């Protein structure tokens, strides 16, 4: 729904403030007063635009991941090698988590609340699983990957893609990594792709094939 410029700006500022707070803190625990202070707007506007804080967070999730779902559906329609589509899909998930490291935790939190669980499932999780299954089915039908349960692939891939960003305190305390930069994101994407696809790809004789994926030049951290 379109409105005047001031209302659009205020709505966007509230969403951006919530995203910035969760990214800065590495936590989804933020309050309305903190969102208001960060956005320099009155907290009453949250209720006006979104109905509640949960409504704001739901819109934030659907805005971030809704765009990713559309891009994934467009990817499925492209005339590309099916394995290349899977690579781009996994790389895309990691990029979303890199830009919005709070998003998967926020989704899990919303599934604990009846008011938001159904909305998140219908807007994000169900379309993601369906399109992901389509990518796998295409690759399996062409004999490029071995059979795999799409449901298990869903959890394996999403878990692997998210864990580096979820575990940032471990990176700091155990490995001395202060922040996840673009180089680390690329190296992590390379590793996830190699591990996942090496277990799936088959050669012309029907055996498992090894694969080395390079998404970009990497250098030691």
Protein backbone atom coordinates (compact mmCIF):
# COMPACT_ATOMS: atom_id res chain seq x y z
CA UNK A 1 0.00 0.00 0.00
CA UNK A 2 1.40 3.37 -1.02
CA UNK A 3 1.12 6.45 1.12
CA UNK A 4 2.71 9.85 1.33
CA UNK A 5 6.49 10.19 1.35
CA UNK A 6 6.76 10.90 5.09
CA UNK A 7 4.86 7.73 6.03
CA UNK A 8 6.92 5.56 3.67
CA UNK A 9 10.12 7.04 5.07
CA UNK A 10 9.08 6.48 8.70
CA UNK A 11 8.04 2.89 8.05
CA UNK A 12 11.36 2.14 6.35
CA UNK A 13 13.33 3.86 9.11
CA UNK A 14 11.69 1.66 11.75
CA UNK A 15 12.51 -1.50 9.81
CA UNK A 16 16.09 -0.38 9.19
CA UNK A 17 16.53 0.53 12.87
CA UNK A 18 15.38 -2.92 14.01
CA UNK A 19 17.72 -4.63 11.51
CA UNK A 20 20.67 -2.44 12.52
CA UNK A 21 20.15 -3.10 16.25
CA UNK A 22 20.00 -6.88 15.81
CA UNK A 23 23.07 -6.87 13.55
CA UNK A 24 25.11 -4.68 15.92
CA UNK A 25 24.24 -6.74 18.99
CA UNK A 26 24.26 -10.20 17.48
CA UNK A 27 20.92 -10.72 19.20
CA UNK A 28 17.23 -10.53 18.32
CA UNK A 29 16.37 -9.20 21.79
CA UNK A 30 15.50 -5.58 21.13
CA UNK A 31 12.79 -3.34 22.61
CA UNK A 32 10.33 -0.88 21.11
CA UNK A 33 12.01 1.98 22.93
CA UNK A 34 15.39 0.98 21.45
CA UNK A 35 13.90 0.80 17.95
CA UNK A 36 12.35 4.23 18.48
CA UNK A 37 15.62 5.70 19.73
CA UNK A 38 17.62 4.19 16.86
CA UNK A 39 15.14 5.43 14.25
CA UNK A 40 14.61 8.77 16.05
CA UNK A 41 10.87 8.20 15.80
CA UNK A 42 8.07 7.80 18.33
CA UNK A 43 7.54 4.17 19.42
CA UNK A 44 3.79 4.67 18.89
CA UNK A 45 4.49 4.57 15.16
CA UNK A 46 5.33 0.86 15.46
CA UNK A 47 1.74 0.15 16.46
CA UNK A 48 0.45 2.54 13.83
CA UNK A 49 2.33 0.91 10.95
CA UNK A 50 2.73 -2.71 12.07
CA UNK A 51 0.23 -3.32 14.90
CA UNK A 52 2.92 -4.56 17.29
CA UNK A 53 6.64 -5.28 17.57
CA UNK A 54 5.94 -8.80 16.28
CA UNK A 55 4.22 -7.23 13.29
CA UNK A 56 7.29 -5.10 12.59
CA UNK A 57 9.64 -8.09 12.87
CA UNK A 58 7.39 -10.18 10.64
CA UNK A 59 7.43 -7.49 7.97
CA UNK A 60 11.21 -7.22 8.28
CA UNK A 61 11.66 -10.97 7.73
CA UNK A 62 9.24 -11.13 4.81
CA UNK A 63 10.84 -8.07 3.23
CA UNK A 64 14.38 -9.49 3.47
CA UNK A 65 13.60 -13.08 2.54
CA UNK A 66 10.68 -12.35 0.24
CA UNK A 67 13.09 -10.74 -2.21
CA UNK A 68 15.41 -13.75 -1.90
CA UNK A 69 12.50 -16.13 -2.61
CA UNK A 70 11.60 -14.20 -5.77
CA UNK A 71 15.22 -14.36 -6.96
CA UNK A 72 15.34 -18.10 -6.23
CA UNK A 73 12.15 -18.69 -8.23
CA UNK A 74 13.67 -16.72 -11.10
CA UNK A 75 16.81 -18.85 -10.82
CA UNK A 76 14.74 -22.02 -11.16
CA UNK A 77 13.36 -20.70 -14.48
CA UNK A 78 16.78 -19.90 -15.94
CA UNK A 79 18.31 -21.96 -18.73
CA UNK A 80 21.35 -23.01 -16.69
CA UNK A 81 23.00 -26.27 -15.73
CA UNK A 82 21.03 -27.66 -12.75
CA UNK A 83 24.17 -28.07 -10.64
CA UNK A 84 25.10 -24.44 -11.35
CA UNK A 85 21.64 -23.45 -10.11
CA UNK A 86 22.26 -25.32 -6.85
CA UNK A 87 25.62 -23.57 -6.44
CA UNK A 88 24.04 -20.15 -6.97
CA UNK A 89 21.21 -21.03 -4.59
CA UNK A 90 23.54 -22.02 -1.73
CA UNK A 91 25.78 -19.03 -2.38
CA UNK A 92 22.69 -16.80 -2.28
CA UNK A 93 21.58 -18.13 1.11
CA UNK A 94 25.03 -17.47 2.59
CA UNK A 95 25.01 -13.94 1.16
CA UNK A 96 21.63 -13.21 2.78
CA UNK A 97 22.87 -14.47 6.16
CA UNK A 98 26.06 -12.42 5.72
CA UNK A 99 24.03 -9.25 5.16
CA UNK A 100 21.39 -10.05 7.80
CA UNK A 101 23.03 -12.40 10.35
CA UNK A 102 20.01 -12.25 12.66
CA UNK A 103 17.43 -13.42 10.14
CA UNK A 104 17.48 -17.20 10.76
CA UNK A 105 17.32 -16.76 14.54
CA UNK A 106 14.40 -14.39 14.07
CA UNK A 107 12.56 -16.94 11.95
CA UNK A 108 13.07 -19.66 14.59
CA UNK A 109 11.79 -17.26 17.24
CA UNK A 110 8.68 -16.49 15.19
CA UNK A 111 7.90 -20.18 14.83
CA UNK A 112 7.50 -20.27 18.62
CA UNK A 113 4.58 -17.84 18.43
CA UNK A 114 1.30 -18.98 16.91
CA UNK A 115 0.50 -15.49 15.70
CA UNK A 116 3.57 -15.36 13.43
CA UNK A 117 4.41 -19.04 12.75
CA UNK A 118 1.78 -19.55 10.06
CA UNK A 119 2.61 -16.26 8.33
CA UNK A 120 6.36 -17.04 8.21
CA UNK A 121 5.73 -20.58 6.99
CA UNK A 122 3.44 -19.44 4.18
CA UNK A 123 5.55 -16.46 3.09
CA UNK A 124 9.05 -17.93 3.47
CA UNK A 125 9.59 -21.54 4.50
CA UNK A 126 7.05 -23.31 2.26
CA UNK A 127 8.00 -21.42 -0.96
CA UNK A 128 11.71 -21.89 -0.17
CA UNK A 129 11.31 -25.64 0.36
CA UNK A 130 9.18 -26.02 -2.77
CA UNK A 131 11.60 -24.18 -5.05
CA UNK A 132 14.59 -25.92 -3.51
CA UNK A 133 12.90 -29.28 -4.21
CA UNK A 134 12.38 -28.19 -7.80
CA UNK A 135 16.12 -27.48 -8.18
CA UNK A 136 17.00 -30.88 -6.72
CA UNK A 137 14.44 -32.74 -8.84
CA UNK A 138 15.82 -31.16 -12.01
CA UNK A 139 19.39 -32.16 -11.14
CA UNK A 140 18.33 -35.70 -10.13
CA UNK A 141 16.23 -36.17 -13.28
CA UNK A 142 19.28 -35.39 -15.42
CA UNK A 143 21.42 -37.85 -13.49
CA UNK A 144 23.74 -35.17 -12.18
CA UNK A 145 23.26 -35.79 -8.45
CA UNK A 146 22.34 -38.83 -6.39
CA UNK A 147 18.94 -39.17 -4.76
CA UNK A 148 18.46 -37.10 -1.64
CA UNK A 149 15.45 -36.32 0.52
CA UNK A 150 14.60 -32.65 -0.18
CA UNK A 151 13.48 -32.17 3.41
CA UNK A 152 16.84 -33.31 4.78
CA UNK A 153 18.69 -31.22 2.19
CA UNK A 154 16.67 -28.20 3.36
CA UNK A 155 17.82 -28.55 6.97
CA UNK A 156 21.42 -29.50 6.14
CA UNK A 157 21.93 -26.57 3.80
CA UNK A 158 20.15 -23.92 5.87
CA UNK A 159 21.94 -25.08 9.02
CA UNK A 160 25.35 -25.03 7.34
CA UNK A 161 24.74 -21.66 5.71
CA UNK A 162 23.66 -20.04 8.97
CA UNK A 163 26.01 -21.49 11.54
CA UNK A 164 29.05 -19.31 10.87
CA UNK A 165 26.94 -16.19 11.42
CA UNK A 166 25.09 -17.62 14.42
CA UNK A 167 28.39 -18.58 16.06
CA UNK A 168 30.17 -15.23 15.86
CA UNK A 169 31.03 -15.29 19.62
CA UNK A 170 32.83 -18.64 19.02
CA UNK A 171 34.75 -17.07 16.14
CA UNK A 172 35.89 -14.31 18.48
CA UNK A 173 36.78 -16.36 21.56
CA UNK A 174 38.13 -19.52 19.91
CA UNK A 175 39.62 -18.33 16.63
CA UNK A 176 40.39 -14.66 17.25
CA UNK A 177 38.15 -13.54 14.38
CA UNK A 178 36.65 -10.16 15.23
CA UNK A 179 34.26 -9.86 12.31
CA UNK A 180 33.04 -11.79 9.29
CA UNK A 181 34.30 -9.93 6.24
CA UNK A 182 33.59 -10.60 2.58
CA UNK A 183 36.71 -12.75 2.19
CA UNK A 184 35.63 -15.05 5.02
CA UNK A 185 32.14 -15.21 3.55
CA UNK A 186 33.59 -16.35 0.21
CA UNK A 187 35.85 -18.95 1.79
CA UNK A 188 32.96 -20.28 3.87
CA UNK A 189 30.74 -20.47 0.78
CA UNK A 190 33.49 -22.38 -1.09
CA UNK A 191 33.78 -24.87 1.77
CA UNK A 192 30.04 -25.41 2.20
CA UNK A 193 29.61 -25.93 -1.54
CA UNK A 194 32.50 -28.38 -1.74
CA UNK A 195 31.23 -30.42 1.21
CA UNK A 196 27.58 -30.49 0.13
CA UNK A 197 28.04 -31.03 -3.60
CA UNK A 198 30.92 -33.48 -3.30
CA UNK A 199 28.48 -35.78 -1.54
CA UNK A 200 25.80 -35.33 -4.20
CA UNK A 201 27.47 -35.16 -7.60
CA UNK A 202 27.85 -38.33 -9.64
CA UNK A 203 30.09 -38.94 -12.63
CA UNK A 204 29.06 -40.50 -15.92
CA UNK A 205 29.47 -44.02 -14.53
CA UNK A 206 27.06 -43.32 -11.69
CA UNK A 207 29.70 -43.04 -8.98
CA UNK A 208 30.20 -40.16 -6.64
CA UNK A 209 32.33 -37.44 -8.13
CA UNK A 210 34.58 -35.01 -6.35
CA UNK A 211 34.19 -31.32 -6.98
CA UNK A 212 36.18 -28.21 -6.31
CA UNK A 213 34.16 -25.01 -6.39
CA UNK A 214 35.73 -21.58 -6.60
CA UNK A 215 33.42 -18.60 -6.08
CA UNK A 216 36.24 -16.09 -5.94
CA UNK A 217 39.86 -15.66 -5.04
CA UNK A 218 40.54 -16.24 -1.36
CA UNK A 219 43.45 -15.32 0.79
CA UNK A 220 44.50 -16.26 4.33
CA UNK A 221 42.53 -14.43 7.01
